[in-house]
Amino acid sequence: MQDNKLITNIIEQFLDLQQGERWLDENFRKKTADLDENQVFERPLPELHSVAELISHILVWRLESIRKIQNSAGDLSADSSESWKTNEQLREIGWRRLRSEFYKSTDMLVNILKEQEDTFLERISNDGYSFKQLVEGLIHHDLYHLGQIGITIKFLNRKK
C-alpha cells in the first residue's frame, strides 16, 4: 500500500481551488464562469492586472513547476516576460483557450502527483527547494491570485 496521505491532501487542495465547495466557498471555476471575453482582458485600474493576466501568470508558474517535478529543469524567473504576458498577447491566445489550458494544467499536476508516494515530496529540485515546498508554494500562489481575481472582478463590476 502506498503511503500518500500528504500527496492526497495536496491534490484535494488543488482540486478545491479549482472547483471545490469546501470552507473557502470560492474557486477558480466559480470566479470566472460568468466573465465574458471583453471583461477578462480589461484592467479596471492601471495598477490591477486583468483576470486573463492573472490566469496566465498562474498557468505559467504551474507549467514551470510541472517541468521541475518531471525533470528538475526550470528556468523561469520572476523577472521573465513570460511570467506576465500583456493583454494584447493574451487576446491572441483567446480566453477560451487560456482558460482551457489553465484547467488542463491542474489535471496534469494532479495526475503526476497521483503516481507518487509521500517520500516524493522530500526530493530536492535543481533550485534547492523540496518538491513539498514547490507544490505547497503553488497552492499558496493560486490562493493569493484567486483573491486578486476577486478584487479585479469587484472593480470591473463597479464600472458597469
N, C-alpha and C. Protein backbone atom coordinates (compact mmCIF):
# COMPACT_ATOMS: atom_id res chain seq x y z
N MET A 1 0.84 -1.19 0.00
CA MET A 1 0.00 0.00 0.00
C MET A 1 0.88 1.25 0.00
N GLN A 2 0.52 2.20 -0.85
CA GLN A 2 1.30 3.42 -0.93
C GLN A 2 1.05 4.31 0.27
N ASP A 3 2.12 4.98 0.70
CA ASP A 3 2.00 5.97 1.75
C ASP A 3 1.89 7.33 1.07
N ASN A 4 0.67 7.81 0.93
CA ASN A 4 0.49 9.06 0.20
C ASN A 4 -0.56 9.98 0.82
N LYS A 5 -0.61 10.03 2.15
CA LYS A 5 -1.57 10.91 2.82
C LYS A 5 -1.31 12.37 2.51
N LEU A 6 -0.04 12.76 2.49
CA LEU A 6 0.30 14.16 2.19
C LEU A 6 -0.03 14.50 0.74
N ILE A 7 0.33 13.60 -0.16
CA ILE A 7 0.03 13.80 -1.58
C ILE A 7 -1.47 13.93 -1.78
N THR A 8 -2.23 13.06 -1.16
CA THR A 8 -3.69 13.10 -1.28
C THR A 8 -4.24 14.43 -0.78
N ASN A 9 -3.71 14.92 0.32
CA ASN A 9 -4.14 16.21 0.86
C ASN A 9 -3.81 17.35 -0.09
N ILE A 10 -2.63 17.32 -0.67
CA ILE A 10 -2.22 18.36 -1.63
C ILE A 10 -3.13 18.33 -2.85
N ILE A 11 -3.42 17.16 -3.36
CA ILE A 11 -4.32 17.03 -4.51
C ILE A 11 -5.69 17.60 -4.18
N GLU A 12 -6.22 17.27 -3.02
CA GLU A 12 -7.53 17.79 -2.61
C GLU A 12 -7.52 19.31 -2.55
N GLN A 13 -6.43 19.90 -2.07
CA GLN A 13 -6.36 21.36 -2.02
C GLN A 13 -6.36 21.98 -3.41
N PHE A 14 -5.60 21.38 -4.34
CA PHE A 14 -5.60 21.88 -5.72
C PHE A 14 -7.00 21.79 -6.33
N LEU A 15 -7.64 20.65 -6.15
CA LEU A 15 -8.97 20.46 -6.72
C LEU A 15 -9.99 21.39 -6.08
N ASP A 16 -9.88 21.61 -4.77
CA ASP A 16 -10.77 22.56 -4.10
C ASP A 16 -10.63 23.96 -4.68
N LEU A 17 -9.40 24.37 -4.94
CA LEU A 17 -9.18 25.70 -5.51
C LEU A 17 -9.76 25.82 -6.91
N GLN A 18 -9.79 24.72 -7.64
CA GLN A 18 -10.33 24.76 -8.99
C GLN A 18 -11.85 24.79 -9.01
N GLN A 19 -12.47 23.89 -8.24
CA GLN A 19 -13.92 23.77 -8.34
C GLN A 19 -14.58 23.27 -7.07
N GLY A 20 -13.85 23.25 -5.98
CA GLY A 20 -14.37 22.71 -4.73
C GLY A 20 -15.42 23.60 -4.07
N GLU A 21 -16.18 23.00 -3.20
CA GLU A 21 -17.22 23.72 -2.46
C GLU A 21 -16.99 23.55 -0.97
N ARG A 22 -15.77 23.64 -0.54
CA ARG A 22 -15.46 23.45 0.87
C ARG A 22 -15.54 24.78 1.61
N TRP A 23 -14.87 24.89 2.69
CA TRP A 23 -14.97 26.04 3.59
C TRP A 23 -14.70 27.37 2.91
N LEU A 24 -13.85 27.39 1.91
CA LEU A 24 -13.45 28.65 1.28
C LEU A 24 -14.60 29.31 0.54
N ASP A 25 -15.49 28.51 -0.05
CA ASP A 25 -16.64 28.99 -0.81
C ASP A 25 -16.25 29.80 -2.04
N GLU A 26 -15.03 29.74 -2.45
CA GLU A 26 -14.58 30.39 -3.67
C GLU A 26 -13.66 29.42 -4.39
N ASN A 27 -13.71 29.47 -5.71
CA ASN A 27 -12.80 28.67 -6.52
C ASN A 27 -12.68 29.32 -7.89
N PHE A 28 -11.73 28.85 -8.67
CA PHE A 28 -11.48 29.47 -9.97
C PHE A 28 -12.67 29.32 -10.91
N ARG A 29 -13.30 28.17 -10.95
CA ARG A 29 -14.45 28.00 -11.85
C ARG A 29 -15.58 28.96 -11.50
N LYS A 30 -15.87 29.04 -10.22
CA LYS A 30 -16.95 29.91 -9.76
C LYS A 30 -16.63 31.38 -10.07
N LYS A 31 -15.39 31.78 -9.84
CA LYS A 31 -15.00 33.17 -10.06
C LYS A 31 -15.03 33.56 -11.53
N THR A 32 -14.67 32.65 -12.40
CA THR A 32 -14.51 33.02 -13.81
C THR A 32 -15.65 32.57 -14.71
N ALA A 33 -16.61 31.84 -14.18
CA ALA A 33 -17.67 31.23 -15.00
C ALA A 33 -18.49 32.25 -15.79
N ASP A 34 -18.81 33.37 -15.18
CA ASP A 34 -19.72 34.32 -15.82
C ASP A 34 -19.02 35.49 -16.50
N LEU A 35 -17.72 35.42 -16.62
CA LEU A 35 -16.98 36.51 -17.25
C LEU A 35 -17.02 36.36 -18.77
N ASP A 36 -17.17 37.49 -19.45
CA ASP A 36 -17.16 37.42 -20.91
C ASP A 36 -15.78 37.80 -21.45
N GLU A 37 -15.62 37.56 -22.72
CA GLU A 37 -14.34 37.77 -23.40
C GLU A 37 -13.81 39.20 -23.21
N ASN A 38 -14.69 40.18 -23.19
CA ASN A 38 -14.24 41.56 -23.03
C ASN A 38 -13.75 41.85 -21.62
N GLN A 39 -14.46 41.35 -20.63
CA GLN A 39 -14.11 41.62 -19.24
C GLN A 39 -12.74 41.07 -18.86
N VAL A 40 -12.42 39.88 -19.31
CA VAL A 40 -11.22 39.20 -18.82
C VAL A 40 -9.93 39.89 -19.24
N PHE A 41 -9.96 40.68 -20.31
CA PHE A 41 -8.76 41.35 -20.78
C PHE A 41 -8.70 42.81 -20.32
N GLU A 42 -9.62 43.21 -19.49
CA GLU A 42 -9.69 44.61 -19.04
C GLU A 42 -9.05 44.77 -17.67
N ARG A 43 -8.24 45.81 -17.56
CA ARG A 43 -7.71 46.22 -16.25
C ARG A 43 -8.64 47.30 -15.72
N PRO A 44 -9.33 47.04 -14.61
CA PRO A 44 -10.26 48.05 -14.11
C PRO A 44 -9.55 49.30 -13.59
N LEU A 45 -8.33 49.14 -13.16
CA LEU A 45 -7.44 50.24 -12.76
C LEU A 45 -6.07 49.92 -13.34
N PRO A 46 -5.30 50.93 -13.69
CA PRO A 46 -3.99 50.65 -14.27
C PRO A 46 -3.09 49.77 -13.39
N GLU A 47 -3.27 49.88 -12.06
CA GLU A 47 -2.43 49.13 -11.13
C GLU A 47 -2.86 47.68 -10.95
N LEU A 48 -4.05 47.33 -11.41
CA LEU A 48 -4.56 45.97 -11.23
C LEU A 48 -4.39 45.16 -12.51
N HIS A 49 -4.02 43.91 -12.35
CA HIS A 49 -3.94 43.02 -13.50
C HIS A 49 -5.34 42.60 -13.93
N SER A 50 -5.48 42.30 -15.21
CA SER A 50 -6.75 41.75 -15.71
C SER A 50 -6.87 40.30 -15.24
N VAL A 51 -8.08 39.78 -15.32
CA VAL A 51 -8.30 38.37 -14.97
C VAL A 51 -7.45 37.48 -15.88
N ALA A 52 -7.39 37.79 -17.16
CA ALA A 52 -6.60 36.98 -18.10
C ALA A 52 -5.12 37.02 -17.74
N GLU A 53 -4.61 38.19 -17.37
CA GLU A 53 -3.20 38.28 -16.97
C GLU A 53 -2.93 37.41 -15.74
N LEU A 54 -3.84 37.43 -14.79
CA LEU A 54 -3.66 36.63 -13.57
C LEU A 54 -3.73 35.13 -13.86
N ILE A 55 -4.71 34.73 -14.66
CA ILE A 55 -4.84 33.30 -15.01
C ILE A 55 -3.60 32.84 -15.79
N SER A 56 -3.13 33.65 -16.71
CA SER A 56 -1.94 33.31 -17.49
C SER A 56 -0.72 33.18 -16.57
N HIS A 57 -0.57 34.11 -15.66
CA HIS A 57 0.56 34.10 -14.72
C HIS A 57 0.55 32.81 -13.88
N ILE A 58 -0.60 32.45 -13.36
CA ILE A 58 -0.71 31.21 -12.58
C ILE A 58 -0.35 30.01 -13.45
N LEU A 59 -0.88 29.99 -14.67
CA LEU A 59 -0.61 28.89 -15.60
C LEU A 59 0.88 28.75 -15.89
N VAL A 60 1.54 29.86 -16.17
CA VAL A 60 2.97 29.83 -16.49
C VAL A 60 3.77 29.22 -15.34
N TRP A 61 3.44 29.60 -14.12
CA TRP A 61 4.18 29.07 -12.97
C TRP A 61 3.81 27.61 -12.68
N ARG A 62 2.59 27.23 -12.94
CA ARG A 62 2.23 25.81 -12.80
C ARG A 62 3.03 24.96 -13.78
N LEU A 63 3.06 25.40 -15.04
CA LEU A 63 3.79 24.64 -16.05
C LEU A 63 5.28 24.57 -15.73
N GLU A 64 5.81 25.66 -15.20
CA GLU A 64 7.21 25.67 -14.77
C GLU A 64 7.43 24.65 -13.65
N SER A 65 6.53 24.60 -12.72
CA SER A 65 6.63 23.66 -11.60
C SER A 65 6.50 22.22 -12.08
N ILE A 66 5.62 21.99 -13.04
CA ILE A 66 5.47 20.65 -13.61
C ILE A 66 6.79 20.22 -14.27
N ARG A 67 7.42 21.14 -15.00
CA ARG A 67 8.71 20.82 -15.62
C ARG A 67 9.74 20.45 -14.54
N LYS A 68 9.75 21.21 -13.45
CA LYS A 68 10.69 20.91 -12.37
C LYS A 68 10.42 19.54 -11.75
N ILE A 69 9.16 19.22 -11.56
CA ILE A 69 8.81 17.93 -10.98
C ILE A 69 9.17 16.79 -11.91
N GLN A 70 8.96 16.99 -13.20
CA GLN A 70 9.21 15.91 -14.16
C GLN A 70 10.69 15.66 -14.42
N ASN A 71 11.47 16.74 -14.45
CA ASN A 71 12.89 16.52 -14.75
C ASN A 71 13.82 17.48 -14.03
N SER A 72 13.31 18.16 -13.03
CA SER A 72 14.10 19.09 -12.21
C SER A 72 14.69 20.24 -13.02
N ALA A 73 14.20 20.46 -14.21
CA ALA A 73 14.67 21.59 -15.02
C ALA A 73 13.63 22.69 -15.00
N GLY A 74 14.09 23.89 -14.93
CA GLY A 74 13.21 25.03 -14.98
C GLY A 74 14.05 26.28 -14.95
N ASP A 75 13.66 27.26 -15.74
CA ASP A 75 14.49 28.46 -15.81
C ASP A 75 13.69 29.76 -15.76
N LEU A 76 12.43 29.67 -15.40
CA LEU A 76 11.60 30.86 -15.31
C LEU A 76 11.99 31.66 -14.07
N SER A 77 12.03 32.97 -14.22
CA SER A 77 12.31 33.83 -13.07
C SER A 77 11.17 34.83 -12.92
N ALA A 78 11.12 35.47 -11.77
CA ALA A 78 10.08 36.47 -11.51
C ALA A 78 10.17 37.62 -12.51
N ASP A 79 11.35 37.86 -13.05
CA ASP A 79 11.54 38.96 -14.00
C ASP A 79 11.26 38.56 -15.44
N SER A 80 10.97 37.31 -15.67
CA SER A 80 10.74 36.81 -17.02
C SER A 80 9.50 37.45 -17.64
N SER A 81 9.60 37.85 -18.90
CA SER A 81 8.45 38.43 -19.59
C SER A 81 7.34 37.39 -19.76
N GLU A 82 7.71 36.12 -19.74
CA GLU A 82 6.73 35.04 -19.84
C GLU A 82 5.82 35.01 -18.61
N SER A 83 6.34 35.47 -17.49
CA SER A 83 5.58 35.44 -16.24
C SER A 83 4.35 36.34 -16.29
N TRP A 84 4.48 37.48 -16.94
CA TRP A 84 3.35 38.42 -17.06
C TRP A 84 3.18 38.81 -18.52
N LYS A 85 2.38 38.06 -19.24
CA LYS A 85 2.09 38.40 -20.63
C LYS A 85 1.13 39.59 -20.66
N THR A 86 1.21 40.35 -21.74
CA THR A 86 0.33 41.51 -21.88
C THR A 86 -1.06 41.06 -22.31
N ASN A 87 -2.02 41.93 -22.11
CA ASN A 87 -3.38 41.62 -22.56
C ASN A 87 -3.44 41.46 -24.07
N GLU A 88 -2.60 42.19 -24.78
CA GLU A 88 -2.56 42.05 -26.24
C GLU A 88 -2.10 40.64 -26.62
N GLN A 89 -1.05 40.16 -25.96
CA GLN A 89 -0.58 38.80 -26.22
C GLN A 89 -1.66 37.77 -25.86
N LEU A 90 -2.34 38.01 -24.77
CA LEU A 90 -3.35 37.06 -24.30
C LEU A 90 -4.60 37.08 -25.17
N ARG A 91 -4.94 38.24 -25.73
CA ARG A 91 -6.09 38.30 -26.65
C ARG A 91 -5.85 37.40 -27.86
N GLU A 92 -4.60 37.36 -28.31
CA GLU A 92 -4.27 36.49 -29.45
C GLU A 92 -4.49 35.02 -29.10
N ILE A 93 -4.22 34.66 -27.88
CA ILE A 93 -4.46 33.28 -27.41
C ILE A 93 -5.95 33.04 -27.28
N GLY A 94 -6.66 34.02 -26.74
CA GLY A 94 -8.10 33.92 -26.55
C GLY A 94 -8.45 33.38 -25.17
N TRP A 95 -9.56 33.87 -24.63
CA TRP A 95 -9.98 33.49 -23.29
C TRP A 95 -10.32 32.01 -23.19
N ARG A 96 -11.03 31.50 -24.17
CA ARG A 96 -11.43 30.08 -24.13
C ARG A 96 -10.22 29.16 -24.06
N ARG A 97 -9.24 29.42 -24.90
CA ARG A 97 -8.03 28.58 -24.91
C ARG A 97 -7.22 28.75 -23.63
N LEU A 98 -7.08 29.99 -23.18
CA LEU A 98 -6.33 30.27 -21.95
C LEU A 98 -6.96 29.54 -20.76
N ARG A 99 -8.26 29.66 -20.65
CA ARG A 99 -8.97 29.01 -19.54
C ARG A 99 -8.86 27.49 -19.64
N SER A 100 -8.97 26.96 -20.85
CA SER A 100 -8.83 25.51 -21.06
C SER A 100 -7.44 25.02 -20.64
N GLU A 101 -6.40 25.74 -21.06
CA GLU A 101 -5.03 25.36 -20.70
C GLU A 101 -4.82 25.46 -19.19
N PHE A 102 -5.45 26.45 -18.58
CA PHE A 102 -5.36 26.62 -17.13
C PHE A 102 -5.91 25.39 -16.41
N TYR A 103 -7.11 24.94 -16.81
CA TYR A 103 -7.70 23.78 -16.15
C TYR A 103 -6.95 22.49 -16.49
N LYS A 104 -6.44 22.40 -17.70
CA LYS A 104 -5.63 21.22 -18.06
C LYS A 104 -4.37 21.13 -17.20
N SER A 105 -3.81 22.29 -16.85
CA SER A 105 -2.60 22.27 -16.02
C SER A 105 -2.88 21.68 -14.65
N THR A 106 -4.08 21.91 -14.13
CA THR A 106 -4.46 21.28 -12.86
C THR A 106 -4.52 19.78 -13.03
N ASP A 107 -5.15 19.33 -14.09
CA ASP A 107 -5.25 17.89 -14.35
C ASP A 107 -3.86 17.26 -14.49
N MET A 108 -2.98 17.95 -15.21
CA MET A 108 -1.62 17.44 -15.40
C MET A 108 -0.92 17.28 -14.05
N LEU A 109 -1.00 18.32 -13.24
CA LEU A 109 -0.33 18.29 -11.94
C LEU A 109 -0.91 17.20 -11.04
N VAL A 110 -2.23 17.12 -11.00
CA VAL A 110 -2.89 16.10 -10.17
C VAL A 110 -2.50 14.70 -10.64
N ASN A 111 -2.48 14.47 -11.94
CA ASN A 111 -2.12 13.15 -12.46
C ASN A 111 -0.68 12.77 -12.14
N ILE A 112 0.21 13.74 -12.18
CA ILE A 112 1.61 13.49 -11.81
C ILE A 112 1.69 13.13 -10.33
N LEU A 113 1.00 13.90 -9.51
CA LEU A 113 1.06 13.67 -8.06
C LEU A 113 0.42 12.35 -7.65
N LYS A 114 -0.65 11.96 -8.34
CA LYS A 114 -1.33 10.70 -8.01
C LYS A 114 -0.41 9.49 -8.12
N GLU A 115 0.60 9.60 -8.94
CA GLU A 115 1.53 8.48 -9.16
C GLU A 115 2.62 8.40 -8.10
N GLN A 116 2.64 9.35 -7.17
CA GLN A 116 3.75 9.46 -6.23
C GLN A 116 3.37 9.00 -4.82
N GLU A 117 4.39 8.66 -4.07
CA GLU A 117 4.25 8.42 -2.64
C GLU A 117 4.73 9.68 -1.92
N ASP A 118 4.43 9.77 -0.64
CA ASP A 118 4.81 10.96 0.12
C ASP A 118 6.31 11.22 0.12
N THR A 119 7.13 10.19 0.02
CA THR A 119 8.58 10.39 0.00
C THR A 119 9.02 11.24 -1.19
N PHE A 120 8.23 11.25 -2.24
CA PHE A 120 8.50 12.10 -3.41
C PHE A 120 8.64 13.56 -3.00
N LEU A 121 7.86 13.98 -2.02
CA LEU A 121 7.86 15.38 -1.59
C LEU A 121 9.19 15.80 -0.97
N GLU A 122 9.99 14.84 -0.55
CA GLU A 122 11.29 15.13 0.06
C GLU A 122 12.38 15.39 -0.97
N ARG A 123 12.14 15.02 -2.21
CA ARG A 123 13.15 15.24 -3.26
C ARG A 123 13.43 16.73 -3.40
N ILE A 124 14.65 17.02 -3.80
CA ILE A 124 15.09 18.41 -3.96
C ILE A 124 15.25 18.70 -5.45
N SER A 125 14.66 19.81 -5.88
CA SER A 125 14.80 20.22 -7.28
C SER A 125 16.13 20.94 -7.46
N ASN A 126 16.46 21.24 -8.70
CA ASN A 126 17.74 21.89 -9.01
C ASN A 126 17.89 23.26 -8.36
N ASP A 127 16.78 23.90 -8.02
CA ASP A 127 16.88 25.22 -7.40
C ASP A 127 16.98 25.15 -5.88
N GLY A 128 17.10 23.93 -5.34
CA GLY A 128 17.33 23.77 -3.91
C GLY A 128 16.10 23.63 -3.04
N TYR A 129 14.93 23.66 -3.63
CA TYR A 129 13.69 23.52 -2.87
C TYR A 129 13.17 22.09 -2.97
N SER A 130 12.55 21.64 -1.89
CA SER A 130 11.93 20.32 -1.95
C SER A 130 10.67 20.39 -2.80
N PHE A 131 10.26 19.25 -3.31
CA PHE A 131 9.01 19.22 -4.07
C PHE A 131 7.82 19.57 -3.18
N LYS A 132 7.94 19.29 -1.90
CA LYS A 132 6.88 19.69 -0.96
C LYS A 132 6.76 21.21 -0.93
N GLN A 133 7.90 21.90 -0.82
CA GLN A 133 7.87 23.36 -0.85
C GLN A 133 7.31 23.86 -2.18
N LEU A 134 7.67 23.20 -3.24
CA LEU A 134 7.22 23.60 -4.57
C LEU A 134 5.70 23.50 -4.70
N VAL A 135 5.13 22.35 -4.36
CA VAL A 135 3.68 22.18 -4.55
C VAL A 135 2.87 22.97 -3.52
N GLU A 136 3.38 23.08 -2.30
CA GLU A 136 2.68 23.92 -1.32
C GLU A 136 2.75 25.39 -1.74
N GLY A 137 3.88 25.80 -2.31
CA GLY A 137 4.01 27.15 -2.82
C GLY A 137 3.03 27.43 -3.95
N LEU A 138 2.79 26.43 -4.79
CA LEU A 138 1.80 26.57 -5.86
C LEU A 138 0.40 26.79 -5.29
N ILE A 139 0.06 26.06 -4.25
CA ILE A 139 -1.25 26.24 -3.62
C ILE A 139 -1.37 27.66 -3.08
N HIS A 140 -0.34 28.12 -2.39
CA HIS A 140 -0.35 29.49 -1.84
C HIS A 140 -0.46 30.51 -2.97
N HIS A 141 0.30 30.28 -4.03
CA HIS A 141 0.30 31.18 -5.19
C HIS A 141 -1.09 31.23 -5.82
N ASP A 142 -1.70 30.07 -6.01
CA ASP A 142 -3.06 30.01 -6.57
C ASP A 142 -4.05 30.77 -5.69
N LEU A 143 -3.98 30.54 -4.40
CA LEU A 143 -4.91 31.16 -3.47
C LEU A 143 -4.73 32.68 -3.44
N TYR A 144 -3.51 33.13 -3.44
CA TYR A 144 -3.20 34.56 -3.46
C TYR A 144 -3.81 35.22 -4.70
N HIS A 145 -3.58 34.60 -5.85
CA HIS A 145 -4.08 35.20 -7.09
C HIS A 145 -5.58 35.00 -7.27
N LEU A 146 -6.17 33.97 -6.67
CA LEU A 146 -7.63 33.85 -6.66
C LEU A 146 -8.23 35.07 -5.96
N GLY A 147 -7.62 35.48 -4.87
CA GLY A 147 -8.07 36.69 -4.18
C GLY A 147 -7.92 37.93 -5.05
N GLN A 148 -6.83 38.03 -5.78
CA GLN A 148 -6.65 39.17 -6.69
C GLN A 148 -7.70 39.17 -7.79
N ILE A 149 -8.03 37.99 -8.30
CA ILE A 149 -9.07 37.90 -9.32
C ILE A 149 -10.39 38.41 -8.76
N GLY A 150 -10.69 38.05 -7.52
CA GLY A 150 -11.91 38.54 -6.88
C GLY A 150 -11.94 40.05 -6.79
N ILE A 151 -10.83 40.66 -6.43
CA ILE A 151 -10.75 42.12 -6.34
C ILE A 151 -10.90 42.74 -7.72
N THR A 152 -10.23 42.18 -8.71
CA THR A 152 -10.34 42.69 -10.08
C THR A 152 -11.79 42.64 -10.56
N ILE A 153 -12.47 41.54 -10.30
CA ILE A 153 -13.87 41.40 -10.72
C ILE A 153 -14.75 42.42 -10.00
N LYS A 154 -14.52 42.66 -8.72
CA LYS A 154 -15.31 43.66 -7.99
C LYS A 154 -15.16 45.04 -8.63
N PHE A 155 -13.94 45.39 -9.00
CA PHE A 155 -13.72 46.69 -9.65
C PHE A 155 -14.33 46.72 -11.04
N LEU A 156 -14.26 45.62 -11.77
CA LEU A 156 -14.91 45.56 -13.09
C LEU A 156 -16.41 45.76 -12.96
N ASN A 157 -17.01 45.14 -11.96
CA ASN A 157 -18.46 45.26 -11.75
C ASN A 157 -18.86 46.67 -11.33
N ARG A 158 -18.00 47.39 -10.66
CA ARG A 158 -18.29 48.77 -10.27
C ARG A 158 -18.33 49.69 -11.48
N LYS A 159 -17.59 49.33 -12.52
CA LYS A 159 -17.53 50.16 -13.73
C LYS A 159 -18.78 50.03 -14.59
N LYS A 160 -19.59 48.99 -14.34
CA LYS A 160 -20.78 48.75 -15.17
C LYS A 160 -21.82 49.83 -14.96
